Amino acid sequence: MEQKHPEIEEGNPLEPTIGEQLRLADFNNKLERLDRAELLEIAKLLAKQALVTQPSAIRFLAREAAQNLVNPATSERWMENAKKISAALKDELQGEE
């Protein structure tokens, strides 16, 4: 059985949820109180995520999805790769703090 996001009943799963929009509004409110140096640091982190990390993750997931359609027996390899990526991203985020 497919689990659904608790805020999504039907429709387009790409639509932002109420919770996501509230988190964005909260983030924007917090940005209003930051100084220039803090804003610059956040802008650099968001740019890295949007221009480097996210596109590479999408390419990886698209390739894995295509391979899984051809050979469903590769799900174990996918999980191993997902764990490696998760660990790498966590290490990278901790290194930037």
PDB file of N, CA and C in Angstrom:
ATOM      1  N   MET A   1       0.841  -1.176   0.000  1.00  0.00           N
ATOM      2  CA  MET A   1       0.000   0.000   0.000  1.00  0.00           C
ATOM      3  C   MET A   1       0.890   1.243   0.000  1.00  0.00           C
ATOM      4  N   GLU A   2       0.582   2.188  -0.855  1.00  0.00           N
ATOM      5  CA  GLU A   2       1.356   3.418  -0.968  1.00  0.00           C
ATOM      6  C   GLU A   2       0.960   4.378   0.148  1.00  0.00           C
ATOM      7  N   GLN A   3       1.982   4.862   0.879  1.00  0.00           N
ATOM      8  CA  GLN A   3       1.703   5.840   1.923  1.00  0.00           C
ATOM      9  C   GLN A   3       1.677   7.227   1.309  1.00  0.00           C
ATOM     10  N   LYS A   4       0.743   8.038   1.749  1.00  0.00           N
ATOM     11  CA  LYS A   4       0.620   9.396   1.243  1.00  0.00           C
ATOM     12  C   LYS A   4       1.088  10.373   2.314  1.00  0.00           C
ATOM     13  N   HIS A   5       1.538  11.515   1.851  1.00  0.00           N
ATOM     14  CA  HIS A   5       1.889  12.579   2.774  1.00  0.00           C
ATOM     15  C   HIS A   5       0.632  12.945   3.539  1.00  0.00           C
ATOM     16  N   PRO A   6       0.736  13.163   4.858  1.00  0.00           N
ATOM     17  CA  PRO A   6      -0.488  13.403   5.638  1.00  0.00           C
ATOM     18  C   PRO A   6      -1.273  14.640   5.210  1.00  0.00           C
ATOM     19  N   GLU A   7      -0.624  15.581   4.518  1.00  0.00           N
ATOM     20  CA  GLU A   7      -1.323  16.798   4.110  1.00  0.00           C
ATOM     21  C   GLU A   7      -1.877  16.711   2.692  1.00  0.00           C
ATOM     22  N   ILE A   8      -1.571  15.633   1.976  1.00  0.00           N
ATOM     23  CA  ILE A   8      -2.015  15.516   0.586  1.00  0.00           C
ATOM     24  C   ILE A   8      -3.122  14.477   0.502  1.00  0.00           C
ATOM     25  N   GLU A   9      -4.273  14.905   0.075  1.00  0.00           N
ATOM     26  CA  GLU A   9      -5.404  14.001  -0.086  1.00  0.00           C
ATOM     27  C   GLU A   9      -5.439  13.460  -1.507  1.00  0.00           C
ATOM     28  N   GLU A  10      -5.545  14.344  -2.469  1.00  0.00           N
ATOM     29  CA  GLU A  10      -5.623  13.987  -3.876  1.00  0.00           C
ATOM     30  C   GLU A  10      -4.928  15.068  -4.686  1.00  0.00           C
ATOM     31  N   GLY A  11      -4.907  14.871  -5.966  1.00  0.00           N
ATOM     32  CA  GLY A  11      -4.404  15.909  -6.845  1.00  0.00           C
ATOM     33  C   GLY A  11      -2.933  15.762  -7.150  1.00  0.00           C
ATOM     34  N   ASN A  12      -2.331  16.860  -7.508  1.00  0.00           N
ATOM     35  CA  ASN A  12      -0.950  16.899  -7.946  1.00  0.00           C
ATOM     36  C   ASN A  12       0.006  16.756  -6.755  1.00  0.00           C
ATOM     37  N   PRO A  13       0.800  15.691  -6.705  1.00  0.00           N
ATOM     38  CA  PRO A  13       1.727  15.518  -5.580  1.00  0.00           C
ATOM     39  C   PRO A  13       2.878  16.521  -5.605  1.00  0.00           C
ATOM     40  N   LEU A  14       3.020  17.270  -6.710  1.00  0.00           N
ATOM     41  CA  LEU A  14       4.064  18.296  -6.766  1.00  0.00           C
ATOM     42  C   LEU A  14       3.606  19.615  -6.154  1.00  0.00           C
ATOM     43  N   GLU A  15       2.314  19.742  -5.882  1.00  0.00           N
ATOM     44  CA  GLU A  15       1.807  20.957  -5.247  1.00  0.00           C
ATOM     45  C   GLU A  15       2.364  21.039  -3.834  1.00  0.00           C
ATOM     46  N   PRO A  16       2.816  22.220  -3.420  1.00  0.00           N
ATOM     47  CA  PRO A  16       3.305  22.347  -2.041  1.00  0.00           C
ATOM     48  C   PRO A  16       2.157  22.170  -1.047  1.00  0.00           C
ATOM     49  N   THR A  17       2.469  21.565   0.076  1.00  0.00           N
ATOM     50  CA  THR A  17       1.458  21.357   1.110  1.00  0.00           C
ATOM     51  C   THR A  17       1.323  22.632   1.941  1.00  0.00           C
ATOM     52  N   ILE A  18       0.296  22.679   2.760  1.00  0.00           N
ATOM     53  CA  ILE A  18       0.100  23.818   3.670  1.00  0.00           C
ATOM     54  C   ILE A  18       1.299  23.928   4.607  1.00  0.00           C
ATOM     55  N   GLY A  19       1.753  22.795   5.131  1.00  0.00           N
ATOM     56  CA  GLY A  19       2.898  22.799   6.037  1.00  0.00           C
ATOM     57  C   GLY A  19       4.148  23.346   5.371  1.00  0.00           C
ATOM     58  N   GLU A  20       4.372  22.965   4.117  1.00  0.00           N
ATOM     59  CA  GLU A  20       5.542  23.468   3.384  1.00  0.00           C
ATOM     60  C   GLU A  20       5.443  24.976   3.175  1.00  0.00           C
ATOM     61  N   GLN A  21       4.251  25.459   2.862  1.00  0.00           N
ATOM     62  CA  GLN A  21       4.076  26.890   2.672  1.00  0.00           C
ATOM     63  C   GLN A  21       4.241  27.652   3.986  1.00  0.00           C
ATOM     64  N   LEU A  22       3.786  27.059   5.093  1.00  0.00           N
ATOM     65  CA  LEU A  22       3.968  27.692   6.399  1.00  0.00           C
ATOM     66  C   LEU A  22       5.447  27.731   6.782  1.00  0.00           C
ATOM     67  N   ARG A  23       6.183  26.658   6.468  1.00  0.00           N
ATOM     68  CA  ARG A  23       7.625  26.649   6.749  1.00  0.00           C
ATOM     69  C   ARG A  23       8.340  27.716   5.928  1.00  0.00           C
ATOM     70  N   LEU A  24       7.919  27.904   4.677  1.00  0.00           N
ATOM     71  CA  LEU A  24       8.505  28.952   3.839  1.00  0.00           C
ATOM     72  C   LEU A  24       8.215  30.336   4.422  1.00  0.00           C
ATOM     73  N   ALA A  25       6.994  30.573   4.850  1.00  0.00           N
ATOM     74  CA  ALA A  25       6.639  31.870   5.438  1.00  0.00           C
ATOM     75  C   ALA A  25       7.460  32.120   6.704  1.00  0.00           C
ATOM     76  N   ASP A  26       7.622  31.089   7.527  1.00  0.00           N
ATOM     77  CA  ASP A  26       8.426  31.219   8.746  1.00  0.00           C
ATOM     78  C   ASP A  26       9.886  31.509   8.398  1.00  0.00           C
ATOM     79  N   PHE A  27      10.412  30.809   7.407  1.00  0.00           N
ATOM     80  CA  PHE A  27      11.792  31.033   6.954  1.00  0.00           C
ATOM     81  C   PHE A  27      11.960  32.466   6.464  1.00  0.00           C
ATOM     82  N   ASN A  28      11.006  32.940   5.653  1.00  0.00           N
ATOM     83  CA  ASN A  28      11.077  34.304   5.138  1.00  0.00           C
ATOM     84  C   ASN A  28      11.027  35.339   6.257  1.00  0.00           C
ATOM     85  N   ASN A  29      10.195  35.097   7.268  1.00  0.00           N
ATOM     86  CA  ASN A  29      10.129  36.013   8.409  1.00  0.00           C
ATOM     87  C   ASN A  29      11.457  36.066   9.149  1.00  0.00           C
ATOM     88  N   LYS A  30      12.103  34.914   9.304  1.00  0.00           N
ATOM     89  CA  LYS A  30      13.404  34.878   9.986  1.00  0.00           C
ATOM     90  C   LYS A  30      14.480  35.572   9.159  1.00  0.00           C
ATOM     91  N   LEU A  31      14.398  35.464   7.827  1.00  0.00           N
ATOM     92  CA  LEU A  31      15.360  36.147   6.959  1.00  0.00           C
ATOM     93  C   LEU A  31      15.319  37.657   7.158  1.00  0.00           C
ATOM     94  N   GLU A  32      14.135  38.190   7.420  1.00  0.00           N
ATOM     95  CA  GLU A  32      13.970  39.630   7.589  1.00  0.00           C
ATOM     96  C   GLU A  32      14.825  40.177   8.737  1.00  0.00           C
ATOM     97  N   ARG A  33      15.155  39.318   9.707  1.00  0.00           N
ATOM     98  CA  ARG A  33      15.888  39.780  10.893  1.00  0.00           C
ATOM     99  C   ARG A  33      17.396  39.546  10.804  1.00  0.00           C
ATOM    100  N   LEU A  34      17.889  38.984   9.715  1.00  0.00           N
ATOM    101  CA  LEU A  34      19.311  38.663   9.607  1.00  0.00           C
ATOM    102  C   LEU A  34      20.121  39.832   9.064  1.00  0.00           C
ATOM    103  N   ASP A  35      21.412  39.847   9.428  1.00  0.00           N
ATOM    104  CA  ASP A  35      22.296  40.873   8.863  1.00  0.00           C
ATOM    105  C   ASP A  35      22.855  40.385   7.525  1.00  0.00           C
ATOM    106  N   ARG A  36      23.607  41.246   6.859  1.00  0.00           N
ATOM    107  CA  ARG A  36      24.106  40.955   5.518  1.00  0.00           C
ATOM    108  C   ARG A  36      24.976  39.701   5.474  1.00  0.00           C
ATOM    109  N   ALA A  37      25.869  39.522   6.432  1.00  0.00           N
ATOM    110  CA  ALA A  37      26.774  38.364   6.442  1.00  0.00           C
ATOM    111  C   ALA A  37      25.990  37.060   6.558  1.00  0.00           C
ATOM    112  N   GLU A  38      24.977  37.052   7.427  1.00  0.00           N
ATOM    113  CA  GLU A  38      24.162  35.852   7.589  1.00  0.00           C
ATOM    114  C   GLU A  38      23.355  35.564   6.315  1.00  0.00           C
ATOM    115  N   LEU A  39      22.827  36.613   5.704  1.00  0.00           N
ATOM    116  CA  LEU A  39      22.077  36.435   4.461  1.00  0.00           C
ATOM    117  C   LEU A  39      22.962  35.898   3.346  1.00  0.00           C
ATOM    118  N   LEU A  40      24.198  36.413   3.256  1.00  0.00           N
ATOM    119  CA  LEU A  40      25.129  35.953   2.240  1.00  0.00           C
ATOM    120  C   LEU A  40      25.460  34.467   2.435  1.00  0.00           C
ATOM    121  N   GLU A  41      25.676  34.054   3.684  1.00  0.00           N
ATOM    122  CA  GLU A  41      25.969  32.644   3.965  1.00  0.00           C
ATOM    123  C   GLU A  41      24.800  31.751   3.557  1.00  0.00           C
ATOM    124  N   ILE A  42      23.583  32.161   3.897  1.00  0.00           N
ATOM    125  CA  ILE A  42      22.391  31.378   3.532  1.00  0.00           C
ATOM    126  C   ILE A  42      22.228  31.335   2.023  1.00  0.00           C
ATOM    127  N   ALA A  43      22.451  32.468   1.347  1.00  0.00           N
ATOM    128  CA  ALA A  43      22.331  32.507  -0.110  1.00  0.00           C
ATOM    129  C   ALA A  43      23.310  31.542  -0.759  1.00  0.00           C
ATOM    130  N   LYS A  44      24.536  31.472  -0.247  1.00  0.00           N
ATOM    131  CA  LYS A  44      25.535  30.555  -0.801  1.00  0.00           C
ATOM    132  C   LYS A  44      25.125  29.105  -0.591  1.00  0.00           C
ATOM    133  N   LEU A  45      24.616  28.781   0.596  1.00  0.00           N
ATOM    134  CA  LEU A  45      24.181  27.405   0.870  1.00  0.00           C
ATOM    135  C   LEU A  45      22.993  27.010  -0.014  1.00  0.00           C
ATOM    136  N   LEU A  46      22.040  27.923  -0.173  1.00  0.00           N
ATOM    137  CA  LEU A  46      20.875  27.632  -1.016  1.00  0.00           C
ATOM    138  C   LEU A  46      21.276  27.508  -2.481  1.00  0.00           C
ATOM    139  N   ALA A  47      22.204  28.347  -2.921  1.00  0.00           N
ATOM    140  CA  ALA A  47      22.673  28.253  -4.309  1.00  0.00           C
ATOM    141  C   ALA A  47      23.358  26.918  -4.551  1.00  0.00           C
ATOM    142  N   LYS A  48      24.170  26.473  -3.604  1.00  0.00           N
ATOM    143  CA  LYS A  48      24.842  25.180  -3.750  1.00  0.00           C
ATOM    144  C   LYS A  48      23.814  24.054  -3.853  1.00  0.00           C
ATOM    145  N   GLN A  49      22.796  24.127  -2.989  1.00  0.00           N
ATOM    146  CA  GLN A  49      21.766  23.089  -3.022  1.00  0.00           C
ATOM    147  C   GLN A  49      21.005  23.124  -4.344  1.00  0.00           C
ATOM    148  N   ALA A  50      20.610  24.308  -4.787  1.00  0.00           N
ATOM    149  CA  ALA A  50      19.787  24.424  -6.000  1.00  0.00           C
ATOM    150  C   ALA A  50      20.567  24.151  -7.272  1.00  0.00           C
ATOM    151  N   LEU A  51      21.836  24.546  -7.313  1.00  0.00           N
ATOM    152  CA  LEU A  51      22.600  24.463  -8.556  1.00  0.00           C
ATOM    153  C   LEU A  51      23.519  23.258  -8.655  1.00  0.00           C
ATOM    154  N   VAL A  52      23.828  22.617  -7.518  1.00  0.00           N
ATOM    155  CA  VAL A  52      24.770  21.495  -7.537  1.00  0.00           C
ATOM    156  C   VAL A  52      24.140  20.222  -6.975  1.00  0.00           C
ATOM    157  N   THR A  53      23.757  20.274  -5.709  1.00  0.00           N
ATOM    158  CA  THR A  53      23.298  19.064  -5.016  1.00  0.00           C
ATOM    159  C   THR A  53      21.993  18.517  -5.586  1.00  0.00           C
ATOM    160  N   GLN A  54      20.996  19.381  -5.717  1.00  0.00           N
ATOM    161  CA  GLN A  54      19.689  18.909  -6.173  1.00  0.00           C
ATOM    162  C   GLN A  54      19.721  18.354  -7.601  1.00  0.00           C
ATOM    163  N   PRO A  55      20.324  19.042  -8.575  1.00  0.00           N
ATOM    164  CA  PRO A  55      20.362  18.464  -9.921  1.00  0.00           C
ATOM    165  C   PRO A  55      21.092  17.118  -9.982  1.00  0.00           C
ATOM    166  N   SER A  56      22.187  16.996  -9.225  1.00  0.00           N
ATOM    167  CA  SER A  56      22.910  15.725  -9.253  1.00  0.00           C
ATOM    168  C   SER A  56      22.077  14.620  -8.595  1.00  0.00           C
ATOM    169  N   ALA A  57      21.355  14.957  -7.536  1.00  0.00           N
ATOM    170  CA  ALA A  57      20.490  13.962  -6.892  1.00  0.00           C
ATOM    171  C   ALA A  57      19.360  13.545  -7.830  1.00  0.00           C
ATOM    172  N   ILE A  58      18.795  14.503  -8.560  1.00  0.00           N
ATOM    173  CA  ILE A  58      17.718  14.182  -9.509  1.00  0.00           C
ATOM    174  C   ILE A  58      18.245  13.284 -10.623  1.00  0.00           C
ATOM    175  N   ARG A  59      19.447  13.600 -11.149  1.00  0.00           N
ATOM    176  CA  ARG A  59      20.036  12.742 -12.191  1.00  0.00           C
ATOM    177  C   ARG A  59      20.248  11.328 -11.666  1.00  0.00           C
ATOM    178  N   PHE A  60      20.789  11.221 -10.464  1.00  0.00           N
ATOM    179  CA  PHE A  60      21.040   9.909  -9.872  1.00  0.00           C
ATOM    180  C   PHE A  60      19.729   9.138  -9.716  1.00  0.00           C
ATOM    181  N   LEU A  61      18.714   9.788  -9.147  1.00  0.00           N
ATOM    182  CA  LEU A  61      17.441   9.105  -8.923  1.00  0.00           C
ATOM    183  C   LEU A  61      16.754   8.726 -10.230  1.00  0.00           C
ATOM    184  N   ALA A  62      16.867   9.573 -11.245  1.00  0.00           N
ATOM    185  CA  ALA A  62      16.280   9.242 -12.550  1.00  0.00           C
ATOM    186  C   ALA A  62      16.973   8.025 -13.150  1.00  0.00           C
ATOM    187  N   ARG A  63      18.313   7.989 -13.058  1.00  0.00           N
ATOM    188  CA  ARG A  63      19.052   6.845 -13.584  1.00  0.00           C
ATOM    189  C   ARG A  63      18.687   5.567 -12.819  1.00  0.00           C
ATOM    190  N   GLU A  64      18.613   5.681 -11.499  1.00  0.00           N
ATOM    191  CA  GLU A  64      18.247   4.512 -10.694  1.00  0.00           C
ATOM    192  C   GLU A  64      16.833   4.036 -11.008  1.00  0.00           C
ATOM    193  N   ALA A  65      15.905   4.975 -11.178  1.00  0.00           N
ATOM    194  CA  ALA A  65      14.526   4.599 -11.503  1.00  0.00           C
ATOM    195  C   ALA A  65      14.471   3.878 -12.841  1.00  0.00           C
ATOM    196  N   ALA A  66      15.215   4.386 -13.812  1.00  0.00           N
ATOM    197  CA  ALA A  66      15.242   3.740 -15.129  1.00  0.00           C
ATOM    198  C   ALA A  66      15.836   2.334 -15.017  1.00  0.00           C
ATOM    199  N   GLN A  67      16.907   2.185 -14.257  1.00  0.00           N
ATOM    200  CA  GLN A  67      17.512   0.857 -14.083  1.00  0.00           C
ATOM    201  C   GLN A  67      16.568  -0.085 -13.355  1.00  0.00           C
ATOM    202  N   ASN A  68      15.827   0.430 -12.369  1.00  0.00           N
ATOM    203  CA  ASN A  68      14.890  -0.408 -11.626  1.00  0.00           C
ATOM    204  C   ASN A  68      13.725  -0.854 -12.504  1.00  0.00           C
ATOM    205  N   LEU A  69      13.346  -0.028 -13.479  1.00  0.00           N
ATOM    206  CA  LEU A  69      12.284  -0.440 -14.397  1.00  0.00           C
ATOM    207  C   LEU A  69      12.745  -1.590 -15.282  1.00  0.00           C
ATOM    208  N   VAL A  70      14.023  -1.571 -15.628  1.00  0.00           N
ATOM    209  CA  VAL A  70      14.581  -2.615 -16.471  1.00  0.00           C
ATOM    210  C   VAL A  70      14.845  -3.878 -15.662  1.00  0.00           C
ATOM    211  N   ASN A  71      15.390  -3.706 -14.456  1.00  0.00           N
ATOM    212  CA  ASN A  71      15.763  -4.846 -13.629  1.00  0.00           C
ATOM    213  C   ASN A  71      15.387  -4.579 -12.173  1.00  0.00           C
ATOM    214  N   PRO A  72      14.183  -5.012 -11.745  1.00  0.00           N
ATOM    215  CA  PRO A  72      13.746  -4.753 -10.376  1.00  0.00           C
ATOM    216  C   PRO A  72      14.632  -5.389  -9.305  1.00  0.00           C
ATOM    217  N   ALA A  73      15.480  -6.323  -9.662  1.00  0.00           N
ATOM    218  CA  ALA A  73      16.328  -6.997  -8.676  1.00  0.00           C
ATOM    219  C   ALA A  73      17.453  -6.098  -8.165  1.00  0.00           C
ATOM    220  N   THR A  74      17.566  -4.880  -8.687  1.00  0.00           N
ATOM    221  CA  THR A  74      18.646  -3.986  -8.269  1.00  0.00           C
ATOM    222  C   THR A  74      18.277  -3.133  -7.052  1.00  0.00           C
ATOM    223  N   SER A  75      17.146  -3.407  -6.424  1.00  0.00           N
ATOM    224  CA  SER A  75      16.715  -2.570  -5.308  1.00  0.00           C
ATOM    225  C   SER A  75      17.709  -2.590  -4.146  1.00  0.00           C
ATOM    226  N   GLU A  76      18.399  -3.708  -3.932  1.00  0.00           N
ATOM    227  CA  GLU A  76      19.402  -3.752  -2.861  1.00  0.00           C
ATOM    228  C   GLU A  76      20.538  -2.793  -3.167  1.00  0.00           C
ATOM    229  N   ARG A  77      20.996  -2.748  -4.420  1.00  0.00           N
ATOM    230  CA  ARG A  77      22.068  -1.836  -4.795  1.00  0.00           C
ATOM    231  C   ARG A  77      21.622  -0.384  -4.608  1.00  0.00           C
ATOM    232  N   TRP A  78      20.369  -0.110  -4.939  1.00  0.00           N
ATOM    233  CA  TRP A  78      19.843   1.236  -4.781  1.00  0.00           C
ATOM    234  C   TRP A  78      19.885   1.650  -3.319  1.00  0.00           C
ATOM    235  N   MET A  79      19.487   0.757  -2.423  1.00  0.00           N
ATOM    236  CA  MET A  79      19.492   1.085  -0.995  1.00  0.00           C
ATOM    237  C   MET A  79      20.913   1.341  -0.505  1.00  0.00           C
ATOM    238  N   GLU A  80      21.861   0.560  -0.964  1.00  0.00           N
ATOM    239  CA  GLU A  80      23.259   0.788  -0.579  1.00  0.00           C
ATOM    240  C   GLU A  80      23.722   2.163  -1.047  1.00  0.00           C
ATOM    241  N   ASN A  81      23.412   2.511  -2.291  1.00  0.00           N
ATOM    242  CA  ASN A  81      23.790   3.820  -2.826  1.00  0.00           C
ATOM    243  C   ASN A  81      23.086   4.944  -2.078  1.00  0.00           C
ATOM    244  N   ALA A  82      21.816   4.762  -1.756  1.00  0.00           N
ATOM    245  CA  ALA A  82      21.071   5.788  -1.030  1.00  0.00           C
ATOM    246  C   ALA A  82      21.686   6.030   0.344  1.00  0.00           C
ATOM    247  N   LYS A  83      22.126   4.965   1.009  1.00  0.00           N
ATOM    248  CA  LYS A  83      22.773   5.111   2.316  1.00  0.00           C
ATOM    249  C   LYS A  83      24.100   5.860   2.180  1.00  0.00           C
ATOM    250  N   LYS A  84      24.866   5.564   1.127  1.00  0.00           N
ATOM    251  CA  LYS A  84      26.133   6.263   0.902  1.00  0.00           C
ATOM    252  C   LYS A  84      25.895   7.744   0.643  1.00  0.00           C
ATOM    253  N   ILE A  85      24.900   8.051  -0.174  1.00  0.00           N
ATOM    254  CA  ILE A  85      24.593   9.453  -0.481  1.00  0.00           C
ATOM    255  C   ILE A  85      24.137  10.177   0.773  1.00  0.00           C
ATOM    256  N   SER A  86      23.281   9.547   1.543  1.00  0.00           N
ATOM    257  CA  SER A  86      22.801  10.152   2.779  1.00  0.00           C
ATOM    258  C   SER A  86      23.954  10.460   3.725  1.00  0.00           C
ATOM    259  N   ALA A  87      24.859   9.500   3.879  1.00  0.00           N
ATOM    260  CA  ALA A  87      26.016   9.713   4.760  1.00  0.00           C
ATOM    261  C   ALA A  87      26.896  10.846   4.238  1.00  0.00           C
ATOM    262  N   ALA A  88      27.101  10.891   2.936  1.00  0.00           N
ATOM    263  CA  ALA A  88      27.936  11.948   2.342  1.00  0.00           C
ATOM    264  C   ALA A  88      27.306  13.316   2.554  1.00  0.00           C
ATOM    265  N   LEU A  89      25.995  13.416   2.355  1.00  0.00           N
ATOM    266  CA  LEU A  89      25.321  14.699   2.543  1.00  0.00           C
ATOM    267  C   LEU A  89      25.353  15.128   4.005  1.00  0.00           C
ATOM    268  N   LYS A  90      25.186  14.186   4.922  1.00  0.00           N
ATOM    269  CA  LYS A  90      25.231  14.528   6.348  1.00  0.00           C
ATOM    270  C   LYS A  90      26.630  15.002   6.734  1.00  0.00           C
ATOM    271  N   ASP A  91      27.656  14.325   6.245  1.00  0.00           N
ATOM    272  CA  ASP A  91      29.033  14.734   6.524  1.00  0.00           C
ATOM    273  C   ASP A  91      29.303  16.118   5.959  1.00  0.00           C
ATOM    274  N   GLU A  92      28.817  16.371   4.749  1.00  0.00           N
ATOM    275  CA  GLU A  92      29.032  17.661   4.099  1.00  0.00           C
ATOM    276  C   GLU A  92      28.353  18.776   4.878  1.00  0.00           C
ATOM    277  N   LEU A  93      27.128  18.545   5.339  1.00  0.00           N
ATOM    278  CA  LEU A  93      26.415  19.565   6.093  1.00  0.00           C
ATOM    279  C   LEU A  93      27.079  19.815   7.433  1.00  0.00           C
ATOM    280  N   GLN A  94      27.572  18.778   8.088  1.00  0.00           N
ATOM    281  CA  GLN A  94      28.249  18.955   9.366  1.00  0.00           C
ATOM    282  C   GLN A  94      29.565  19.697   9.192  1.00  0.00           C
ATOM    283  N   GLY A  95      30.224  19.490   8.061  1.00  0.00           N
ATOM    284  CA  GLY A  95      31.491  20.166   7.800  1.00  0.00           C
ATOM    285  C   GLY A  95      31.319  21.650   7.554  1.00  0.00           C
ATOM    286  N   GLU A  96      30.131  22.087   7.141  1.00  0.00           N
ATOM    287  CA  GLU A  96      29.880  23.488   6.839  1.00  0.00           C
ATOM    288  C   GLU A  96      29.439  24.284   8.060  1.00  0.00           C
ATOM    289  N   GLU A  97      29.155  23.607   9.158  1.00  0.00           N
ATOM    290  CA  GLU A  97      28.675  24.308  10.358  1.00  0.00           C
ATOM    291  C   GLU A  97      29.788  25.042  11.052  1.00  0.00           C
TER     292      GLU A  97
END
